[in-house]
Amino acid sequence: MKFPKLTKSKAVLIAIGLVFSFFGLPDPSFALDTKDKSEVETIIREYLLKNPEIFIEVQQALEAKQKLETATAQKRTLADKHDLIYNSKHQMEIGNPDAPITIVEFFDYNCGFCQRALADMNRFVKEDKNVRFILKEFPVLGEASVQAHRVSLAFSTLMPDKVEQFHTELLGKRGRKNGKVAAELALSLGVGDAELAAEMEKPYIVAAMREVYELADGLAITGTPSYIIGNDVIFGAVGYAQLKARIDKIGTN
């Protein structure tokens, strides 16, 4: 069977359109008439059926492109938001305040993996005075988490000397953490009920969470725990050994 000849450029354009369609992407607007398109579709279809690996190649190319775009956005955010990442007034700091190396952790009080990673932080704080932690309150697991973090932010302002104890005890608790559970812990550590309630209503509470959400967006962080060590953004509870390896790498540079 013979098909009318079409220019190479037209064939390529339609092939691209079919690939876009395969991946559910919007079809670009091509300067082709219906006749041209119908004539070449059969040719392209047969080619793709004989060479299905092209879709894998396209997928790989798409993933590589997205990975590069993410890395570029992360690098830009790390540079542009450096002061906000390391010197925000809306964050907890645990460990030696003069430590030369900082691990920034994004966490949610209801994150089971964050609870597991708590032991990693405690070990660093105990064993390595060259490392400190900055904790970014990043409630992503529902309204209960939001309310627990509201209490945490208020408590950090009212009783900064007991932040580490509060954080360790609340994150280490079994079961779902919400505003009530967090407030009960805060009261047990000495903060006043009315004082805590009033502090939780201040505008900076919402502003603090919004600040972290915006940082996370720029860093492509969508879950917890996630870390920043140097120029690296690390996703997931990777464990003490991997975190230590990243720190040692910084130390040798």
C-alpha atoms as a PDB file:
ATOM      1  CA  MET A   1       0.000   0.000   0.000  1.00  0.00           C
ATOM      2  CA  LYS A   2       1.367   3.399  -0.992  1.00  0.00           C
ATOM      3  CA  PHE A   3       0.706   6.614   0.853  1.00  0.00           C
ATOM      4  CA  PRO A   4       0.937  10.121  -0.501  1.00  0.00           C
ATOM      5  CA  LYS A   5       4.270  11.739   0.211  1.00  0.00           C
ATOM      6  CA  LEU A   6       4.423  14.187   3.080  1.00  0.00           C
ATOM      7  CA  THR A   7       7.212  16.444   4.126  1.00  0.00           C
ATOM      8  CA  LYS A   8       9.439  15.199   6.904  1.00  0.00           C
ATOM      9  CA  SER A   9       8.537  18.180   9.044  1.00  0.00           C
ATOM     10  CA  LYS A  10       4.838  17.391   8.846  1.00  0.00           C
ATOM     11  CA  ALA A  11       5.426  13.765   9.776  1.00  0.00           C
ATOM     12  CA  VAL A  12       7.552  14.767  12.747  1.00  0.00           C
ATOM     13  CA  LEU A  13       4.944  17.231  13.959  1.00  0.00           C
ATOM     14  CA  ILE A  14       2.203  14.633  13.877  1.00  0.00           C
ATOM     15  CA  ALA A  15       4.415  12.041  15.544  1.00  0.00           C
ATOM     16  CA  ILE A  16       5.041  14.490  18.356  1.00  0.00           C
ATOM     17  CA  GLY A  17       1.320  15.057  18.623  1.00  0.00           C
ATOM     18  CA  LEU A  18       0.684  11.340  19.007  1.00  0.00           C
ATOM     19  CA  VAL A  19       3.345  11.054  21.690  1.00  0.00           C
ATOM     20  CA  PHE A  20       1.771  14.003  23.510  1.00  0.00           C
ATOM     21  CA  SER A  21      -1.554  12.208  23.325  1.00  0.00           C
ATOM     22  CA  PHE A  22      -0.046   8.996  24.698  1.00  0.00           C
ATOM     23  CA  PHE A  23       1.167  10.793  27.813  1.00  0.00           C
ATOM     24  CA  GLY A  24      -2.061  12.713  28.276  1.00  0.00           C
ATOM     25  CA  LEU A  25      -0.432  16.025  27.448  1.00  0.00           C
ATOM     26  CA  PRO A  26      -2.232  18.774  25.561  1.00  0.00           C
ATOM     27  CA  ASP A  27      -1.788  18.405  21.829  1.00  0.00           C
ATOM     28  CA  PRO A  28       0.195  21.305  20.376  1.00  0.00           C
ATOM     29  CA  SER A  29      -1.459  23.301  17.639  1.00  0.00           C
ATOM     30  CA  PHE A  30      -0.084  22.255  14.271  1.00  0.00           C
ATOM     31  CA  ALA A  31      -0.496  23.998  10.946  1.00  0.00           C
ATOM     32  CA  LEU A  32      -1.821  20.843   9.270  1.00  0.00           C
ATOM     33  CA  ASP A  33      -5.067  20.199   7.497  1.00  0.00           C
ATOM     34  CA  THR A  34      -7.269  17.186   8.179  1.00  0.00           C
ATOM     35  CA  LYS A  35      -6.206  15.406   4.979  1.00  0.00           C
ATOM     36  CA  ASP A  36      -2.500  15.592   5.823  1.00  0.00           C
ATOM     37  CA  LYS A  37      -3.130  14.341   9.325  1.00  0.00           C
ATOM     38  CA  SER A  38      -5.237  11.372   8.301  1.00  0.00           C
ATOM     39  CA  GLU A  39      -2.713  10.369   5.640  1.00  0.00           C
ATOM     40  CA  VAL A  40       0.200  10.204   8.014  1.00  0.00           C
ATOM     41  CA  GLU A  41      -1.490   8.756  11.116  1.00  0.00           C
ATOM     42  CA  THR A  42      -1.396   5.229   9.744  1.00  0.00           C
ATOM     43  CA  ILE A  43       2.300   5.518   8.938  1.00  0.00           C
ATOM     44  CA  ILE A  44       3.109   6.820  12.386  1.00  0.00           C
ATOM     45  CA  ARG A  45       0.931   4.246  14.116  1.00  0.00           C
ATOM     46  CA  GLU A  46       2.647   1.374  12.337  1.00  0.00           C
ATOM     47  CA  TYR A  47       6.041   2.805  13.151  1.00  0.00           C
ATOM     48  CA  LEU A  48       5.227   3.176  16.828  1.00  0.00           C
ATOM     49  CA  LEU A  49       3.775  -0.324  17.033  1.00  0.00           C
ATOM     50  CA  LYS A  50       6.978  -1.699  15.555  1.00  0.00           C
ATOM     51  CA  ASN A  51       9.120   0.477  17.821  1.00  0.00           C
ATOM     52  CA  PRO A  52       7.240   0.776  21.145  1.00  0.00           C
ATOM     53  CA  GLU A  53      10.504   1.442  22.958  1.00  0.00           C
ATOM     54  CA  ILE A  54      10.209   5.019  21.766  1.00  0.00           C
ATOM     55  CA  PHE A  55       7.594   5.585  24.466  1.00  0.00           C
ATOM     56  CA  ILE A  56      10.038   4.380  27.106  1.00  0.00           C
ATOM     57  CA  GLU A  57      12.651   6.730  25.705  1.00  0.00           C
ATOM     58  CA  VAL A  58      10.203   9.619  25.774  1.00  0.00           C
ATOM     59  CA  GLN A  59       9.223   8.787  29.355  1.00  0.00           C
ATOM     60  CA  GLN A  60      12.872   8.656  30.376  1.00  0.00           C
ATOM     61  CA  ALA A  61      13.540  11.958  28.657  1.00  0.00           C
ATOM     62  CA  LEU A  62      10.532  13.509  30.384  1.00  0.00           C
ATOM     63  CA  GLU A  63      11.674  12.245  33.784  1.00  0.00           C
ATOM     64  CA  ALA A  64      15.199  13.542  33.170  1.00  0.00           C
ATOM     65  CA  LYS A  65      13.796  16.933  32.179  1.00  0.00           C
ATOM     66  CA  GLN A  66      11.605  17.084  35.279  1.00  0.00           C
ATOM     67  CA  LYS A  67      14.506  16.030  37.491  1.00  0.00           C
ATOM     68  CA  LEU A  68      16.677  18.786  36.044  1.00  0.00           C
ATOM     69  CA  GLU A  69      13.915  21.355  36.506  1.00  0.00           C
ATOM     70  CA  THR A  70      13.440  20.243  40.125  1.00  0.00           C
ATOM     71  CA  ALA A  71      17.173  20.443  40.838  1.00  0.00           C
ATOM     72  CA  THR A  72      17.332  23.907  39.293  1.00  0.00           C
ATOM     73  CA  ALA A  73      14.377  25.114  41.377  1.00  0.00           C
ATOM     74  CA  GLN A  74      15.904  23.635  44.535  1.00  0.00           C
ATOM     75  CA  LYS A  75      19.239  25.314  43.879  1.00  0.00           C
ATOM     76  CA  ARG A  76      17.524  28.647  43.297  1.00  0.00           C
ATOM     77  CA  THR A  77      15.431  28.326  46.477  1.00  0.00           C
ATOM     78  CA  LEU A  78      18.440  27.324  48.576  1.00  0.00           C
ATOM     79  CA  ALA A  79      20.221  30.461  47.395  1.00  0.00           C
ATOM     80  CA  ASP A  80      17.346  32.938  47.391  1.00  0.00           C
ATOM     81  CA  LYS A  81      15.827  31.755  50.682  1.00  0.00           C
ATOM     82  CA  HIS A  82      19.050  30.971  52.535  1.00  0.00           C
ATOM     83  CA  ASP A  83      18.398  33.419  55.353  1.00  0.00           C
ATOM     84  CA  LEU A  84      14.818  32.236  55.773  1.00  0.00           C
ATOM     85  CA  ILE A  85      15.922  28.601  55.871  1.00  0.00           C
ATOM     86  CA  TYR A  86      18.568  29.091  58.531  1.00  0.00           C
ATOM     87  CA  ASN A  87      17.544  32.195  60.458  1.00  0.00           C
ATOM     88  CA  SER A  88      13.761  32.262  60.554  1.00  0.00           C
ATOM     89  CA  LYS A  89      12.274  33.299  63.871  1.00  0.00           C
ATOM     90  CA  HIS A  90       9.605  30.634  63.365  1.00  0.00           C
ATOM     91  CA  GLN A  91      11.670  27.495  63.884  1.00  0.00           C
ATOM     92  CA  MET A  92      13.014  25.227  66.586  1.00  0.00           C
ATOM     93  CA  GLU A  93      16.742  24.768  66.995  1.00  0.00           C
ATOM     94  CA  ILE A  94      18.120  21.750  68.809  1.00  0.00           C
ATOM     95  CA  GLY A  95      21.748  20.990  69.566  1.00  0.00           C
ATOM     96  CA  ASN A  96      24.832  23.172  69.825  1.00  0.00           C
ATOM     97  CA  PRO A  97      23.783  26.651  68.574  1.00  0.00           C
ATOM     98  CA  ASP A  98      27.371  27.297  67.445  1.00  0.00           C
ATOM     99  CA  ALA A  99      27.716  24.034  65.518  1.00  0.00           C
ATOM    100  CA  PRO A 100      29.306  24.539  62.084  1.00  0.00           C
ATOM    101  CA  ILE A 101      26.996  22.032  60.384  1.00  0.00           C
ATOM    102  CA  THR A 102      23.210  22.321  60.275  1.00  0.00           C
ATOM    103  CA  ILE A 103      20.626  19.714  59.378  1.00  0.00           C
ATOM    104  CA  VAL A 104      17.282  21.250  58.491  1.00  0.00           C
ATOM    105  CA  GLU A 105      14.369  18.852  58.953  1.00  0.00           C
ATOM    106  CA  PHE A 106      10.800  19.305  57.731  1.00  0.00           C
ATOM    107  CA  PHE A 107       8.518  17.260  59.980  1.00  0.00           C
ATOM    108  CA  ASP A 108       4.918  16.513  60.922  1.00  0.00           C
ATOM    109  CA  TYR A 109       3.995  15.392  64.438  1.00  0.00           C
ATOM    110  CA  ASN A 110       1.777  12.626  63.030  1.00  0.00           C
ATOM    111  CA  CYS A 111       4.408  11.268  60.671  1.00  0.00           C
ATOM    112  CA  GLY A 112       5.438   7.755  61.675  1.00  0.00           C
ATOM    113  CA  PHE A 113       8.678   8.059  59.729  1.00  0.00           C
ATOM    114  CA  CYS A 114       9.463  11.309  61.563  1.00  0.00           C
ATOM    115  CA  GLN A 115       8.921   9.473  64.820  1.00  0.00           C
ATOM    116  CA  ARG A 116      11.389   6.839  63.669  1.00  0.00           C
ATOM    117  CA  ALA A 117      13.860   9.542  62.608  1.00  0.00           C
ATOM    118  CA  LEU A 118      13.699  11.158  66.054  1.00  0.00           C
ATOM    119  CA  ALA A 119      16.311   8.684  67.255  1.00  0.00           C
ATOM    120  CA  ASP A 120      18.668   9.894  64.524  1.00  0.00           C
ATOM    121  CA  MET A 121      18.383  13.491  65.678  1.00  0.00           C
ATOM    122  CA  ASN A 122      18.829  12.543  69.324  1.00  0.00           C
ATOM    123  CA  ARG A 123      21.960  10.580  68.477  1.00  0.00           C
ATOM    124  CA  PHE A 124      23.494  13.482  66.567  1.00  0.00           C
ATOM    125  CA  VAL A 125      22.722  15.931  69.362  1.00  0.00           C
ATOM    126  CA  LYS A 126      24.234  13.602  71.947  1.00  0.00           C
ATOM    127  CA  GLU A 127      27.321  12.467  70.059  1.00  0.00           C
ATOM    128  CA  ASP A 128      28.298  15.290  67.709  1.00  0.00           C
ATOM    129  CA  LYS A 129      28.637  18.867  68.934  1.00  0.00           C
ATOM    130  CA  ASN A 130      29.464  19.955  65.395  1.00  0.00           C
ATOM    131  CA  VAL A 131      25.877  19.320  64.290  1.00  0.00           C
ATOM    132  CA  ARG A 132      22.691  21.168  65.142  1.00  0.00           C
ATOM    133  CA  PHE A 133      19.132  20.677  63.916  1.00  0.00           C
ATOM    134  CA  ILE A 134      16.688  23.269  62.650  1.00  0.00           C
ATOM    135  CA  LEU A 135      13.139  21.929  62.703  1.00  0.00           C
ATOM    136  CA  LYS A 136      10.596  23.243  60.221  1.00  0.00           C
ATOM    137  CA  GLU A 137       6.983  22.764  61.298  1.00  0.00           C
ATOM    138  CA  PHE A 138       5.374  21.235  58.193  1.00  0.00           C
ATOM    139  CA  PRO A 139       1.918  19.797  58.992  1.00  0.00           C
ATOM    140  CA  VAL A 140       0.832  17.871  55.906  1.00  0.00           C
ATOM    141  CA  LEU A 141      -1.188  15.051  57.456  1.00  0.00           C
ATOM    142  CA  GLY A 142      -4.512  16.712  58.099  1.00  0.00           C
ATOM    143  CA  GLU A 143      -6.197  19.115  60.458  1.00  0.00           C
ATOM    144  CA  ALA A 144      -5.050  17.250  63.575  1.00  0.00           C
ATOM    145  CA  SER A 145      -1.459  17.914  62.573  1.00  0.00           C
ATOM    146  CA  VAL A 146      -2.188  21.584  61.885  1.00  0.00           C
ATOM    147  CA  GLN A 147      -3.631  22.023  65.377  1.00  0.00           C
ATOM    148  CA  ALA A 148      -0.743  20.177  67.030  1.00  0.00           C
ATOM    149  CA  HIS A 149       1.740  22.404  65.233  1.00  0.00           C
ATOM    150  CA  ARG A 150      -0.181  25.531  66.234  1.00  0.00           C
ATOM    151  CA  VAL A 151       0.361  24.529  69.849  1.00  0.00           C
ATOM    152  CA  SER A 152       4.009  23.760  69.136  1.00  0.00           C
ATOM    153  CA  LEU A 153       4.666  27.160  67.575  1.00  0.00           C
ATOM    154  CA  ALA A 154       2.990  28.955  70.466  1.00  0.00           C
ATOM    155  CA  PHE A 155       4.840  26.867  73.050  1.00  0.00           C
ATOM    156  CA  SER A 156       8.178  27.562  71.341  1.00  0.00           C
ATOM    157  CA  THR A 157       7.570  31.286  71.763  1.00  0.00           C
ATOM    158  CA  LEU A 158       6.432  31.052  75.372  1.00  0.00           C
ATOM    159  CA  MET A 159       8.939  28.499  76.674  1.00  0.00           C
ATOM    160  CA  PRO A 160      11.942  28.337  74.323  1.00  0.00           C
ATOM    161  CA  ASP A 161      14.085  26.675  76.982  1.00  0.00           C
ATOM    162  CA  LYS A 162      11.805  23.607  76.935  1.00  0.00           C
ATOM    163  CA  VAL A 163      11.412  23.274  73.169  1.00  0.00           C
ATOM    164  CA  GLU A 164      13.570  20.162  72.870  1.00  0.00           C
ATOM    165  CA  GLN A 165      11.673  18.383  75.646  1.00  0.00           C
ATOM    166  CA  PHE A 166       8.305  19.324  74.167  1.00  0.00           C
ATOM    167  CA  HIS A 167       9.290  18.229  70.671  1.00  0.00           C
ATOM    168  CA  THR A 168      10.789  14.933  71.773  1.00  0.00           C
ATOM    169  CA  GLU A 169       7.852  14.001  73.984  1.00  0.00           C
ATOM    170  CA  LEU A 170       5.120  15.001  71.524  1.00  0.00           C
ATOM    171  CA  LEU A 171       6.704  13.352  68.504  1.00  0.00           C
ATOM    172  CA  GLY A 172       7.447  10.257  70.550  1.00  0.00           C
ATOM    173  CA  LYS A 173       3.873   9.831  71.788  1.00  0.00           C
ATOM    174  CA  ARG A 174       1.801   6.943  70.480  1.00  0.00           C
ATOM    175  CA  GLY A 175      -1.433   7.610  68.672  1.00  0.00           C
ATOM    176  CA  ARG A 176      -2.814  10.586  66.813  1.00  0.00           C
ATOM    177  CA  LYS A 177      -1.466  13.963  67.890  1.00  0.00           C
ATOM    178  CA  ASN A 178      -3.908  16.866  67.741  1.00  0.00           C
ATOM    179  CA  GLY A 179      -4.350  20.218  69.428  1.00  0.00           C
ATOM    180  CA  LYS A 180      -5.700  18.675  72.627  1.00  0.00           C
ATOM    181  CA  VAL A 181      -2.837  16.203  73.013  1.00  0.00           C
ATOM    182  CA  ALA A 182      -0.242  18.880  72.268  1.00  0.00           C
ATOM    183  CA  ALA A 183      -1.860  21.372  74.653  1.00  0.00           C
ATOM    184  CA  GLU A 184      -1.965  18.829  77.480  1.00  0.00           C
ATOM    185  CA  LEU A 185       1.763  18.289  77.081  1.00  0.00           C
ATOM    186  CA  ALA A 186       2.420  22.028  76.937  1.00  0.00           C
ATOM    187  CA  LEU A 187       0.457  22.591  80.152  1.00  0.00           C
ATOM    188  CA  SER A 188       2.316  19.775  81.887  1.00  0.00           C
ATOM    189  CA  LEU A 189       5.589  21.536  81.076  1.00  0.00           C
ATOM    190  CA  GLY A 190       4.477  24.718  82.808  1.00  0.00           C
ATOM    191  CA  VAL A 191       2.784  26.997  80.310  1.00  0.00           C
ATOM    192  CA  GLY A 192      -0.486  28.604  81.377  1.00  0.00           C
ATOM    193  CA  ASP A 193      -3.741  27.522  79.752  1.00  0.00           C
ATOM    194  CA  ALA A 194      -5.004  31.034  78.966  1.00  0.00           C
ATOM    195  CA  GLU A 195      -1.543  32.162  77.949  1.00  0.00           C
ATOM    196  CA  LEU A 196      -1.211  29.302  75.463  1.00  0.00           C
ATOM    197  CA  ALA A 197      -4.684  29.851  74.025  1.00  0.00           C
ATOM    198  CA  ALA A 198      -3.991  33.547  73.483  1.00  0.00           C
ATOM    199  CA  GLU A 199      -0.630  32.893  71.860  1.00  0.00           C
ATOM    200  CA  MET A 200      -2.135  30.387  69.437  1.00  0.00           C
ATOM    201  CA  GLU A 201      -4.437  33.069  68.038  1.00  0.00           C
ATOM    202  CA  LYS A 202      -1.652  35.439  67.080  1.00  0.00           C
ATOM    203  CA  PRO A 203      -1.150  36.036  63.340  1.00  0.00           C
ATOM    204  CA  TYR A 204       2.423  34.751  63.288  1.00  0.00           C
ATOM    205  CA  ILE A 205       1.189  31.189  63.877  1.00  0.00           C
ATOM    206  CA  VAL A 206      -0.429  30.975  60.454  1.00  0.00           C
ATOM    207  CA  ALA A 207       2.373  33.025  58.893  1.00  0.00           C
ATOM    208  CA  ALA A 208       4.962  30.590  60.226  1.00  0.00           C
ATOM    209  CA  MET A 209       3.259  27.591  58.648  1.00  0.00           C
ATOM    210  CA  ARG A 210       2.743  29.454  55.381  1.00  0.00           C
ATOM    211  CA  GLU A 211       6.441  30.303  55.354  1.00  0.00           C
ATOM    212  CA  VAL A 212       7.382  26.633  55.596  1.00  0.00           C
ATOM    213  CA  TYR A 213       4.837  25.565  52.972  1.00  0.00           C
ATOM    214  CA  GLU A 214       6.331  28.081  50.538  1.00  0.00           C
ATOM    215  CA  LEU A 215       9.862  26.881  51.242  1.00  0.00           C
ATOM    216  CA  ALA A 216       8.786  23.287  50.755  1.00  0.00           C
ATOM    217  CA  ASP A 217       7.143  24.162  47.457  1.00  0.00           C
ATOM    218  CA  GLY A 218      10.329  25.734  46.144  1.00  0.00           C
ATOM    219  CA  LEU A 219      12.343  22.711  47.263  1.00  0.00           C
ATOM    220  CA  ALA A 220       9.865  20.167  45.831  1.00  0.00           C
ATOM    221  CA  ILE A 221       9.294  18.791  49.333  1.00  0.00           C
ATOM    222  CA  THR A 222       5.895  17.138  49.598  1.00  0.00           C
ATOM    223  CA  GLY A 223       6.348  14.698  52.479  1.00  0.00           C
ATOM    224  CA  THR A 224       8.068  14.191  55.791  1.00  0.00           C
ATOM    225  CA  PRO A 225      10.681  13.839  56.968  1.00  0.00           C
ATOM    226  CA  SER A 226      12.745  15.765  54.447  1.00  0.00           C
ATOM    227  CA  TYR A 227      16.138  17.295  55.078  1.00  0.00           C
ATOM    228  CA  ILE A 228      18.487  19.980  53.857  1.00  0.00           C
ATOM    229  CA  ILE A 229      22.179  19.279  54.368  1.00  0.00           C
ATOM    230  CA  GLY A 230      24.454  21.724  52.624  1.00  0.00           C
ATOM    231  CA  ASN A 231      23.238  21.980  49.044  1.00  0.00           C
ATOM    232  CA  ASP A 232      21.397  18.662  49.150  1.00  0.00           C
ATOM    233  CA  VAL A 233      17.668  18.121  49.642  1.00  0.00           C
ATOM    234  CA  ILE A 234      17.018  14.630  50.994  1.00  0.00           C
ATOM    235  CA  PHE A 235      13.616  12.968  50.998  1.00  0.00           C
ATOM    236  CA  GLY A 236      12.485  10.385  53.527  1.00  0.00           C
ATOM    237  CA  ALA A 237      13.716   8.789  56.738  1.00  0.00           C
ATOM    238  CA  VAL A 238      17.044   7.721  55.261  1.00  0.00           C
ATOM    239  CA  GLY A 239      18.541   6.862  58.640  1.00  0.00           C
ATOM    240  CA  TYR A 240      21.514   7.953  60.710  1.00  0.00           C
ATOM    241  CA  ALA A 241      24.175   6.378  58.496  1.00  0.00           C
ATOM    242  CA  GLN A 242      23.108   8.213  55.342  1.00  0.00           C
ATOM    243  CA  LEU A 243      22.750  11.525  57.144  1.00  0.00           C
ATOM    244  CA  LYS A 244      26.190  11.047  58.690  1.00  0.00           C
ATOM    245  CA  ALA A 245      27.669  10.276  55.272  1.00  0.00           C
ATOM    246  CA  ARG A 246      26.287  13.560  53.909  1.00  0.00           C
ATOM    247  CA  ILE A 247      27.740  15.437  56.872  1.00  0.00           C
ATOM    248  CA  ASP A 248      31.132  13.777  56.473  1.00  0.00           C
ATOM    249  CA  LYS A 249      31.084  14.739  52.796  1.00  0.00           C
ATOM    250  CA  ILE A 250      30.597  18.380  53.760  1.00  0.00           C
ATOM    251  CA  GLY A 251      33.436  18.106  56.252  1.00  0.00           C
ATOM    252  CA  THR A 252      35.887  16.892  53.616  1.00  0.00           C
ATOM    253  CA  ASN A 253      35.087  19.636  51.088  1.00  0.00           C
END
